[in-house]
C-alpha atoms as a PDB file:
ATOM      1  CA  UNK A   1      29.797  97.603 191.397  1.00  0.00           C
ATOM      2  CA  UNK A   2      28.820  98.533 187.930  1.00  0.00           C
ATOM      3  CA  UNK A   3      26.547  96.467 185.558  1.00  0.00           C
ATOM      4  CA  UNK A   4      25.491  97.079 181.990  1.00  0.00           C
ATOM      5  CA  UNK A   5      22.807  95.273 179.965  1.00  0.00           C
ATOM      6  CA  UNK A   6      21.551  95.469 176.433  1.00  0.00           C
ATOM      7  CA  UNK A   7      18.409  94.037 175.259  1.00  0.00           C
ATOM      8  CA  UNK A   8      16.708  93.832 171.776  1.00  0.00           C
ATOM      9  CA  UNK A   9      13.048  93.078 172.002  1.00  0.00           C
ATOM     10  CA  UNK A  10      10.431  92.802 169.174  1.00  0.00           C
ATOM     11  CA  UNK A  11       6.893  93.729 169.650  1.00  0.00           C
ATOM     12  CA  UNK A  12       3.921  93.214 167.406  1.00  0.00           C
ATOM     13  CA  UNK A  13       1.111  95.862 167.959  1.00  0.00           C
ATOM     14  CA  UNK A  14      -2.618  95.397 168.402  1.00  0.00           C
ATOM     15  CA  UNK A  15      -5.390  97.632 167.085  1.00  0.00           C
ATOM     16  CA  UNK A  16      -6.057 100.595 169.373  1.00  0.00           C
ATOM     17  CA  UNK A  17      -8.517 103.590 169.445  1.00  0.00           C
ATOM     18  CA  UNK A  18      -7.191 107.088 169.675  1.00  0.00           C
ATOM     19  CA  UNK A  19      -8.982 110.340 169.978  1.00  0.00           C
ATOM     20  CA  UNK A  20      -6.173 112.830 170.009  1.00  0.00           C
ATOM     21  CA  UNK A  21      -2.499 113.071 169.290  1.00  0.00           C
ATOM     22  CA  UNK A  22      -1.440 113.508 172.936  1.00  0.00           C
ATOM     23  CA  UNK A  23      -0.775 109.772 173.250  1.00  0.00           C
ATOM     24  CA  UNK A  24       2.549 108.041 174.193  1.00  0.00           C
ATOM     25  CA  UNK A  25       2.574 104.791 172.573  1.00  0.00           C
ATOM     26  CA  UNK A  26       5.967 103.532 173.981  1.00  0.00           C
ATOM     27  CA  UNK A  27       4.704 100.627 175.894  1.00  0.00           C
ATOM     28  CA  UNK A  28       7.839  98.920 176.899  1.00  0.00           C
ATOM     29  CA  UNK A  29       9.525 100.787 179.804  1.00  0.00           C
ATOM     30  CA  UNK A  30      12.402  99.096 181.304  1.00  0.00           C
ATOM     31  CA  UNK A  31      13.584 100.531 184.754  1.00  0.00           C
ATOM     32  CA  UNK A  32      17.252 100.506 185.713  1.00  0.00           C
ATOM     33  CA  UNK A  33      18.024  98.514 188.816  1.00  0.00           C
ATOM     34  CA  UNK A  34      21.191  97.198 190.705  1.00  0.00           C
ATOM     35  CA  UNK A  35      20.258  93.520 191.381  1.00  0.00           C
ATOM     36  CA  UNK A  36      17.231  92.633 189.268  1.00  0.00           C
ATOM     37  CA  UNK A  37      17.139  89.717 186.717  1.00  0.00           C
ATOM     38  CA  UNK A  38      13.764  90.810 185.453  1.00  0.00           C
ATOM     39  CA  UNK A  39      13.327  93.468 182.805  1.00  0.00           C
ATOM     40  CA  UNK A  40       9.932  95.230 183.053  1.00  0.00           C
ATOM     41  CA  UNK A  41       8.651  93.677 186.430  1.00  0.00           C
ATOM     42  CA  UNK A  42      10.574  95.120 189.390  1.00  0.00           C
ATOM     43  CA  UNK A  43      11.621  93.208 192.432  1.00  0.00           C
ATOM     44  CA  UNK A  44      11.734  94.499 195.870  1.00  0.00           C
ATOM     45  CA  UNK A  45      15.536  94.075 196.121  1.00  0.00           C
ATOM     46  CA  UNK A  46      17.705  97.065 196.580  1.00  0.00           C
ATOM     47  CA  UNK A  47      21.528  97.093 196.020  1.00  0.00           C
ATOM     48  CA  UNK A  48      24.189  97.730 198.516  1.00  0.00           C
ATOM     49  CA  UNK A  49      25.105 101.345 199.347  1.00  0.00           C
ATOM     50  CA  UNK A  50      27.304 102.839 196.711  1.00  0.00           C
ATOM     51  CA  UNK A  51      26.274 100.273 193.981  1.00  0.00           C
ATOM     52  CA  UNK A  52      25.359 101.665 190.587  1.00  0.00           C
ATOM     53  CA  UNK A  53      24.171 100.286 187.279  1.00  0.00           C
ATOM     54  CA  UNK A  54      24.125 101.675 183.670  1.00  0.00           C
ATOM     55  CA  UNK A  55      22.212  99.953 180.890  1.00  0.00           C
ATOM     56  CA  UNK A  56      21.004 100.474 177.267  1.00  0.00           C
ATOM     57  CA  UNK A  57      17.799  98.716 176.064  1.00  0.00           C
ATOM     58  CA  UNK A  58      16.684  98.807 172.413  1.00  0.00           C
ATOM     59  CA  UNK A  59      13.130  97.870 171.508  1.00  0.00           C
ATOM     60  CA  UNK A  60      11.416  97.593 168.053  1.00  0.00           C
ATOM     61  CA  UNK A  61       7.599  97.536 167.637  1.00  0.00           C
ATOM     62  CA  UNK A  62       5.726  96.809 164.399  1.00  0.00           C
ATOM     63  CA  UNK A  63       2.278  98.637 164.077  1.00  0.00           C
ATOM     64  CA  UNK A  64       2.126  99.793 167.646  1.00  0.00           C
ATOM     65  CA  UNK A  65      -0.706 102.210 166.824  1.00  0.00           C
ATOM     66  CA  UNK A  66      -3.590 101.075 164.443  1.00  0.00           C
ATOM     67  CA  UNK A  67      -6.746 103.045 164.303  1.00  0.00           C
ATOM     68  CA  UNK A  68      -9.916 101.239 163.371  1.00  0.00           C
ATOM     69  CA  UNK A  69     -13.224 102.991 162.275  1.00  0.00           C
ATOM     70  CA  UNK A  70     -16.256 102.250 164.173  1.00  0.00           C
ATOM     71  CA  UNK A  71     -19.408 103.546 162.321  1.00  0.00           C
ATOM     72  CA  UNK A  72     -21.999 102.363 164.816  1.00  0.00           C
ATOM     73  CA  UNK A  73     -22.670 106.090 165.631  1.00  0.00           C
ATOM     74  CA  UNK A  74     -22.620 107.071 161.948  1.00  0.00           C
ATOM     75  CA  UNK A  75     -19.742 108.117 159.514  1.00  0.00           C
ATOM     76  CA  UNK A  76     -19.268 110.254 156.613  1.00  0.00           C
ATOM     77  CA  UNK A  77     -19.854 108.846 153.229  1.00  0.00           C
ATOM     78  CA  UNK A  78     -16.096 108.554 152.404  1.00  0.00           C
ATOM     79  CA  UNK A  79     -15.335 106.387 155.525  1.00  0.00           C
ATOM     80  CA  UNK A  80     -16.548 102.853 155.882  1.00  0.00           C
ATOM     81  CA  UNK A  81     -16.760 100.672 159.033  1.00  0.00           C
ATOM     82  CA  UNK A  82     -13.645  98.743 159.802  1.00  0.00           C
ATOM     83  CA  UNK A  83     -11.292 101.015 157.861  1.00  0.00           C
ATOM     84  CA  UNK A  84      -7.742 101.038 159.290  1.00  0.00           C
ATOM     85  CA  UNK A  85      -5.110 103.759 159.494  1.00  0.00           C
ATOM     86  CA  UNK A  86      -1.602 103.064 160.668  1.00  0.00           C
ATOM     87  CA  UNK A  87      -0.187 106.353 162.220  1.00  0.00           C
ATOM     88  CA  UNK A  88       2.758 104.371 163.344  1.00  0.00           C
ATOM     89  CA  UNK A  89       4.071 101.484 161.480  1.00  0.00           C
ATOM     90  CA  UNK A  90       7.330 101.175 162.869  1.00  0.00           C
ATOM     91  CA  UNK A  91       8.935 102.343 166.313  1.00  0.00           C
ATOM     92  CA  UNK A  92      12.440 101.963 167.716  1.00  0.00           C
ATOM     93  CA  UNK A  93      13.203 103.048 171.124  1.00  0.00           C
ATOM     94  CA  UNK A  94      16.798 103.327 172.699  1.00  0.00           C
ATOM     95  CA  UNK A  95      16.514 103.692 176.364  1.00  0.00           C
ATOM     96  CA  UNK A  96      19.528 104.635 178.452  1.00  0.00           C
ATOM     97  CA  UNK A  97      19.036 103.902 182.113  1.00  0.00           C
ATOM     98  CA  UNK A  98      21.069 104.594 185.262  1.00  0.00           C
ATOM     99  CA  UNK A  99      20.486 103.637 188.912  1.00  0.00           C
ATOM    100  CA  UNK A 100      22.356 104.444 192.098  1.00  0.00           C
ATOM    101  CA  UNK A 101      22.000 103.444 195.742  1.00  0.00           C
ATOM    102  CA  UNK A 102      22.879 106.436 197.869  1.00  0.00           C
ATOM    103  CA  UNK A 103      21.886 104.871 201.294  1.00  0.00           C
ATOM    104  CA  UNK A 104      20.874 101.465 202.486  1.00  0.00           C
ATOM    105  CA  UNK A 105      17.347 100.515 201.448  1.00  0.00           C
ATOM    106  CA  UNK A 106      16.942 103.400 198.888  1.00  0.00           C
ATOM    107  CA  UNK A 107      17.508 103.172 195.073  1.00  0.00           C
ATOM    108  CA  UNK A 108      17.336 106.055 192.571  1.00  0.00           C
ATOM    109  CA  UNK A 109      17.136 105.747 188.920  1.00  0.00           C
ATOM    110  CA  UNK A 110      16.567 107.715 185.623  1.00  0.00           C
ATOM    111  CA  UNK A 111      15.807 106.664 182.070  1.00  0.00           C
ATOM    112  CA  UNK A 112      16.229 108.725 178.751  1.00  0.00           C
ATOM    113  CA  UNK A 113      14.448 107.175 175.754  1.00  0.00           C
ATOM    114  CA  UNK A 114      15.258 108.088 172.196  1.00  0.00           C
ATOM    115  CA  UNK A 115      12.289 107.407 169.993  1.00  0.00           C
ATOM    116  CA  UNK A 116      12.361 106.984 166.254  1.00  0.00           C
ATOM    117  CA  UNK A 117       8.982 106.093 164.574  1.00  0.00           C
ATOM    118  CA  UNK A 118       7.366 106.259 161.185  1.00  0.00           C
ATOM    119  CA  UNK A 119       3.853 105.744 159.938  1.00  0.00           C
ATOM    120  CA  UNK A 120       1.592 105.609 156.734  1.00  0.00           C
ATOM    121  CA  UNK A 121      -0.469 108.537 155.525  1.00  0.00           C
ATOM    122  CA  UNK A 122      -3.843 108.037 156.820  1.00  0.00           C
ATOM    123  CA  UNK A 123      -7.275 108.281 155.149  1.00  0.00           C
ATOM    124  CA  UNK A 124      -8.924 109.861 158.356  1.00  0.00           C
ATOM    125  CA  UNK A 125      -6.459 110.123 161.181  1.00  0.00           C
ATOM    126  CA  UNK A 126      -4.337 112.906 159.968  1.00  0.00           C
ATOM    127  CA  UNK A 127      -0.635 113.032 159.313  1.00  0.00           C
ATOM    128  CA  UNK A 128       1.518 110.038 160.293  1.00  0.00           C
ATOM    129  CA  UNK A 129       4.188 110.079 162.885  1.00  0.00           C
ATOM    130  CA  UNK A 130       7.555 110.992 161.554  1.00  0.00           C
ATOM    131  CA  UNK A 131       9.954 111.811 164.287  1.00  0.00           C
ATOM    132  CA  UNK A 132      13.308 110.917 165.832  1.00  0.00           C
ATOM    133  CA  UNK A 133      13.516 112.637 169.237  1.00  0.00           C
ATOM    134  CA  UNK A 134      13.920 112.255 172.954  1.00  0.00           C
ATOM    135  CA  UNK A 135      10.900 110.832 174.612  1.00  0.00           C
ATOM    136  CA  UNK A 136       9.561 111.457 178.039  1.00  0.00           C
ATOM    137  CA  UNK A 137      12.381 111.294 180.732  1.00  0.00           C
ATOM    138  CA  UNK A 138      11.413 109.356 183.799  1.00  0.00           C
ATOM    139  CA  UNK A 139      12.946 109.342 187.381  1.00  0.00           C
ATOM    140  CA  UNK A 140      12.248 106.504 189.746  1.00  0.00           C
ATOM    141  CA  UNK A 141      12.577 105.884 193.357  1.00  0.00           C
ATOM    142  CA  UNK A 142      12.591 102.547 195.029  1.00  0.00           C
ATOM    143  CA  UNK A 143      12.627 101.991 198.979  1.00  0.00           C
ATOM    144  CA  UNK A 144      12.849  98.601 200.756  1.00  0.00           C
ATOM    145  CA  UNK A 145      10.439  98.484 203.587  1.00  0.00           C
ATOM    146  CA  UNK A 146      10.479  95.013 204.656  1.00  0.00           C
ATOM    147  CA  UNK A 147      12.898  91.980 204.418  1.00  0.00           C
ATOM    148  CA  UNK A 148      12.068  88.611 206.035  1.00  0.00           C
ATOM    149  CA  UNK A 149      14.192  85.622 204.693  1.00  0.00           C
ATOM    150  CA  UNK A 150      13.375  85.158 201.058  1.00  0.00           C
ATOM    151  CA  UNK A 151      10.524  87.746 201.006  1.00  0.00           C
ATOM    152  CA  UNK A 152      10.807  91.330 200.470  1.00  0.00           C
ATOM    153  CA  UNK A 153       8.449  94.336 200.240  1.00  0.00           C
ATOM    154  CA  UNK A 154       9.196  97.614 198.654  1.00  0.00           C
ATOM    155  CA  UNK A 155       7.493 100.836 197.534  1.00  0.00           C
ATOM    156  CA  UNK A 156       8.211 102.635 194.313  1.00  0.00           C
ATOM    157  CA  UNK A 157       7.516 105.895 192.597  1.00  0.00           C
ATOM    158  CA  UNK A 158       8.054 106.850 188.977  1.00  0.00           C
ATOM    159  CA  UNK A 159       7.720 110.389 187.552  1.00  0.00           C
ATOM    160  CA  UNK A 160       7.862 111.320 183.945  1.00  0.00           C
ATOM    161  CA  UNK A 161       8.358 114.812 182.498  1.00  0.00           C
ATOM    162  CA  UNK A 162       7.030 115.872 179.133  1.00  0.00           C
ATOM    163  CA  UNK A 163      10.188 116.106 177.137  1.00  0.00           C
ATOM    164  CA  UNK A 164       8.811 114.006 174.345  1.00  0.00           C
ATOM    165  CA  UNK A 165       6.685 115.337 171.404  1.00  0.00           C
ATOM    166  CA  UNK A 166       3.061 114.799 172.116  1.00  0.00           C
ATOM    167  CA  UNK A 167       2.195 115.833 168.525  1.00  0.00           C
ATOM    168  CA  UNK A 168       4.143 112.795 167.183  1.00  0.00           C
ATOM    169  CA  UNK A 169       2.775 110.185 169.658  1.00  0.00           C
ATOM    170  CA  UNK A 170       6.224 110.136 171.484  1.00  0.00           C
ATOM    171  CA  UNK A 171       5.199 111.617 174.897  1.00  0.00           C
ATOM    172  CA  UNK A 172       2.446 113.169 177.022  1.00  0.00           C
ATOM    173  CA  UNK A 173       1.699 116.777 177.477  1.00  0.00           C
ATOM    174  CA  UNK A 174       2.285 116.815 181.209  1.00  0.00           C
ATOM    175  CA  UNK A 175       3.896 115.308 184.157  1.00  0.00           C
ATOM    176  CA  UNK A 176       2.902 111.687 185.066  1.00  0.00           C
ATOM    177  CA  UNK A 177       3.149 110.086 188.579  1.00  0.00           C
ATOM    178  CA  UNK A 178       2.975 106.328 189.150  1.00  0.00           C
ATOM    179  CA  UNK A 179       3.155 104.703 192.624  1.00  0.00           C
ATOM    180  CA  UNK A 180       3.516 100.998 193.190  1.00  0.00           C
ATOM    181  CA  UNK A 181       3.851  98.424 195.765  1.00  0.00           C
ATOM    182  CA  UNK A 182       6.408  95.580 195.035  1.00  0.00           C
ATOM    183  CA  UNK A 183       6.534  92.365 196.584  1.00  0.00           C
ATOM    184  CA  UNK A 184       9.108  89.549 195.725  1.00  0.00           C
ATOM    185  CA  UNK A 185      10.264  86.145 196.815  1.00  0.00           C
ATOM    186  CA  UNK A 186      13.604  84.557 195.834  1.00  0.00           C
ATOM    187  CA  UNK A 187      15.533  81.531 196.522  1.00  0.00           C
ATOM    188  CA  UNK A 188      18.694  79.844 194.836  1.00  0.00           C
ATOM    189  CA  UNK A 189      16.658  78.750 191.863  1.00  0.00           C
ATOM    190  CA  UNK A 190      13.362  80.873 191.680  1.00  0.00           C
ATOM    191  CA  UNK A 191      12.449  84.475 191.624  1.00  0.00           C
ATOM    192  CA  UNK A 192       8.906  85.714 191.711  1.00  0.00           C
ATOM    193  CA  UNK A 193       7.716  89.311 191.942  1.00  0.00           C
ATOM    194  CA  UNK A 194       4.351  91.052 191.937  1.00  0.00           C
ATOM    195  CA  UNK A 195       3.918  94.759 191.170  1.00  0.00           C
ATOM    196  CA  UNK A 196       0.746  96.795 191.814  1.00  0.00           C
ATOM    197  CA  UNK A 197       0.005 100.366 191.549  1.00  0.00           C
ATOM    198  CA  UNK A 198      -1.546 103.276 189.525  1.00  0.00           C
END
């Protein structure tokens, strides 16, 4: 069974502090899945063997990276406390995702993000972002550990590889690994899910 989904999300950024350009500011990371009705929070459900899904999600963020000066430890004469730079003023990410169930209780997935972002020339933070390129590719594994009636418990692992441009705030400079525990409860009308991990 194949399913496809497209989602357009609009995000408004909040001020953030940055000390280097090795910073991935793509904050919306949808994971492809077979049976989930949720977008960024996973459920513990795993599809039937042989099931697959393909989806495209498009997000747009305004001012996802704003750098604010804090002069409590002193600043050069040309910089004043509270000055703002906007290295990224607009960011559009198109994420292609695929998922497949090779065997019962096991789901595999991969996401390929294309990042396009632009910024304003800063007064103190260096050159703004100006790139349209592939972001960090992510692979994800989810295994169903326990199913009791409406309640399910699963474990997940997400690994990203540094295919994005870390100099343009579009990726990290190394491999990242995220593990999580996933619990969910579903009946005919309601679905609740909790994700926890690092």
